């Protein structure tokens, strides 16, 4: 599995290697093929606002956008999952709001984005419940892993709180 990351923001320092490891763990937990490739971009609110307006018709910043790659665009040797764009500016604000670290928020957004690339959605209430439950399961799994000690004391409370807000 391969994770390509472009850090186009100057808001926070990101441990790119750690984010790659976490992304691969999430991809493994979702059964991504071994030849999977994920592209990620970290940006500021202005950049994500432009993308959000262009692709969703919403002229405002958002926290994360996911762009799945359609099947006919695949190179046989590489299984491109798609692109995830995360605004570190929004992630920083949300981390303060939910009283946890920016890394925790980035992990939550990464889980959310990857689940979209694996076909999850949250438009209908029932689908939202499934997606939020899976987000919480993955977050718990990652937080139990010794190699991600920075996340050891995280619970799934931020996800549970968000799930109740969005239903």
Foldseek 3Di string as FASTA:
>chain_A
DEEAEAEAADPDDDPVVVVGVLLVLLCVVLPPDPQEYEYEYEYAQVVQLVVCCVPVVHNGGDAKDWDADDPVPDDVSHHYLGYMYGYLHVLCVVCVVVVHDSVLSVSLRSSLRSVVSVPQDPPDLVSLVVSLVVSQVSLVVVLPDPVPVVSVPDHSVVSVVVSVVVD
